[in-house]
C-alpha atoms as a PDB file:
ATOM      1  CA  MET A   1      29.735   4.031  21.455  1.00  0.00           C
ATOM      2  CA  LEU A   2      28.094   4.566  18.073  1.00  0.00           C
ATOM      3  CA  ALA A   3      26.777   7.709  16.483  1.00  0.00           C
ATOM      4  CA  LEU A   4      23.656   7.617  13.657  1.00  0.00           C
ATOM      5  CA  LYS A   5      22.087  10.155  11.716  1.00  0.00           C
ATOM      6  CA  GLY A   6      18.263  10.925  11.929  1.00  0.00           C
ATOM      7  CA  TYR A   7      15.471  12.874  12.269  1.00  0.00           C
ATOM      8  CA  TYR A   8      12.630  13.459  14.158  1.00  0.00           C
ATOM      9  CA  ASP A   9       9.103  13.057  12.098  1.00  0.00           C
ATOM     10  CA  GLY A  10       6.723  15.269  14.549  1.00  0.00           C
ATOM     11  CA  LYS A  11       5.983  11.785  16.413  1.00  0.00           C
ATOM     12  CA  THR A  12       9.014   9.863  16.580  1.00  0.00           C
ATOM     13  CA  ILE A  13      12.717   9.762  15.660  1.00  0.00           C
ATOM     14  CA  GLN A  14      13.484   8.103  12.234  1.00  0.00           C
ATOM     15  CA  PRO A  15      17.226   6.865  11.584  1.00  0.00           C
ATOM     16  CA  LEU A  16      18.537   7.639   8.271  1.00  0.00           C
ATOM     17  CA  GLU A  17      21.121   4.352   8.587  1.00  0.00           C
ATOM     18  CA  GLU A  18      20.735   1.054   9.798  1.00  0.00           C
ATOM     19  CA  VAL A  19      20.348   0.803  13.872  1.00  0.00           C
ATOM     20  CA  GLN A  20      23.004  -1.394  15.221  1.00  0.00           C
ATOM     21  CA  ALA A  21      21.753  -1.727  18.563  1.00  0.00           C
ATOM     22  CA  LYS A  22      19.681  -4.323  20.959  1.00  0.00           C
ATOM     23  CA  LYS A  23      16.441  -4.411  22.244  1.00  0.00           C
ATOM     24  CA  ASN A  24      16.261  -1.804  25.388  1.00  0.00           C
ATOM     25  CA  GLN A  25      19.691  -0.575  24.999  1.00  0.00           C
ATOM     26  CA  ARG A  26      20.379   2.591  26.527  1.00  0.00           C
ATOM     27  CA  LEU A  27      20.872   5.832  24.199  1.00  0.00           C
ATOM     28  CA  ILE A  28      21.938   9.280  24.249  1.00  0.00           C
ATOM     29  CA  ILE A  29      19.747  11.492  21.824  1.00  0.00           C
ATOM     30  CA  THR A  30      21.023  14.952  20.838  1.00  0.00           C
ATOM     31  CA  ILE A  31      18.935  17.297  19.008  1.00  0.00           C
ATOM     32  CA  LEU A  32      20.701  19.629  16.516  1.00  0.00           C
ATOM     33  CA  ASP A  33      19.791  23.255  15.325  1.00  0.00           C
ATOM     34  CA  GLU A  34      20.244  21.801  11.919  1.00  0.00           C
ATOM     35  CA  PHE A  35      17.327  20.985   9.624  1.00  0.00           C
ATOM     36  CA  ILE A  36      17.077  18.262   6.740  1.00  0.00           C
ATOM     37  CA  LYS A  37      14.958  18.870   3.706  1.00  0.00           C
ATOM     38  CA  GLU A  38      11.493  17.130   4.359  1.00  0.00           C
ATOM     39  CA  ILE A  39      11.130  14.537   1.807  1.00  0.00           C
ATOM     40  CA  PRO A  40       7.161  13.767   1.132  1.00  0.00           C
ATOM     41  CA  LYS A  41       5.831  10.484   1.607  1.00  0.00           C
ATOM     42  CA  GLU A  42       4.693   8.433  -1.398  1.00  0.00           C
ATOM     43  CA  GLU A  43       0.896   8.025  -1.611  1.00  0.00           C
ATOM     44  CA  LYS A  44      -0.217   4.634  -2.398  1.00  0.00           C
ATOM     45  CA  LYS A  45      -2.282   4.776  -5.441  1.00  0.00           C
ATOM     46  CA  LYS A  46      -5.829   3.926  -5.153  1.00  0.00           C
ATOM     47  CA  VAL A  47      -7.182   1.748  -7.643  1.00  0.00           C
ATOM     48  CA  ALA A  48     -10.436  -0.204  -8.002  1.00  0.00           C
ATOM     49  CA  ARG A  49      -8.878  -3.089  -9.170  1.00  0.00           C
ATOM     50  CA  GLY A  50     -10.008  -6.124  -7.691  1.00  0.00           C
ATOM     51  CA  SER A  51     -12.291  -4.457  -5.226  1.00  0.00           C
ATOM     52  CA  LEU A  52     -15.259  -6.489  -5.914  1.00  0.00           C
ATOM     53  CA  SER A  53     -13.307  -9.871  -5.955  1.00  0.00           C
ATOM     54  CA  LYS A  54     -15.410 -10.792  -2.452  1.00  0.00           C
ATOM     55  CA  TYR A  55     -18.433 -10.679  -4.660  1.00  0.00           C
ATOM     56  CA  ALA A  56     -17.179 -13.150  -7.268  1.00  0.00           C
ATOM     57  CA  ASN A  57     -18.888 -16.636  -8.053  1.00  0.00           C
ATOM     58  CA  PRO A  58     -16.472 -19.315  -9.845  1.00  0.00           C
ATOM     59  CA  ASP A  59     -19.188 -21.532 -10.492  1.00  0.00           C
ATOM     60  CA  LEU A  60     -20.583 -18.673 -12.853  1.00  0.00           C
ATOM     61  CA  TRP A  61     -17.301 -17.868 -14.703  1.00  0.00           C
ATOM     62  CA  GLU A  62     -18.457 -20.257 -17.427  1.00  0.00           C
ATOM     63  CA  GLN A  63     -21.639 -19.034 -18.229  1.00  0.00           C
ATOM     64  CA  GLU A  64     -20.309 -15.629 -18.497  1.00  0.00           C
ATOM     65  CA  LYS A  65     -18.434 -16.334 -21.726  1.00  0.00           C
ATOM     66  CA  SER A  66     -21.943 -16.723 -23.205  1.00  0.00           C
ATOM     67  CA  ALA A  67     -24.270 -14.880 -21.328  1.00  0.00           C
ATOM     68  CA  TRP A  68     -24.099 -11.670 -23.925  1.00  0.00           C
ATOM     69  CA  GLU A  69     -25.161 -13.856 -27.034  1.00  0.00           C
ATOM     70  CA  LYS A  70     -27.898 -15.539 -24.689  1.00  0.00           C
ATOM     71  CA  ALA A  71     -29.132 -12.030 -23.653  1.00  0.00           C
ATOM     72  CA  VAL A  72     -29.163 -10.910 -27.566  1.00  0.00           C
ATOM     73  CA  ILE A  73     -31.178 -14.048 -28.823  1.00  0.00           C
ATOM     74  CA  GLU A  74     -33.702 -13.674 -25.731  1.00  0.00           C
ATOM     75  CA  LYS A  75     -34.675 -10.097 -26.729  1.00  0.00           C
ATOM     76  CA  HIS A  76     -34.051  -9.755 -30.543  1.00  0.00           C
ATOM     77  CA  GLY A  77     -34.944 -14.129 -31.203  1.00  0.00           C
ATOM     78  CA  ASN A  78     -32.141 -15.919 -33.187  1.00  0.00           C
ATOM     79  CA  ALA A  79     -32.390 -13.998 -36.719  1.00  0.00           C
END
């Protein structure tokens, strides 16, 4: 018989250590009158980086390198 420490997160039972049990192995769960300090889950940072990559056209990358110079010449002439 094996005893594990864990907690109930409101939906499922979460073990605090590795479970050495096999699939479909029977368990006895004992609920104690003790509580653990709730650890807030780390939220994944939301970033915009790469969000427009699906619109990228690799065939135009070479033209991008000189796009600003071409636009200035087009607008102001080659002075």
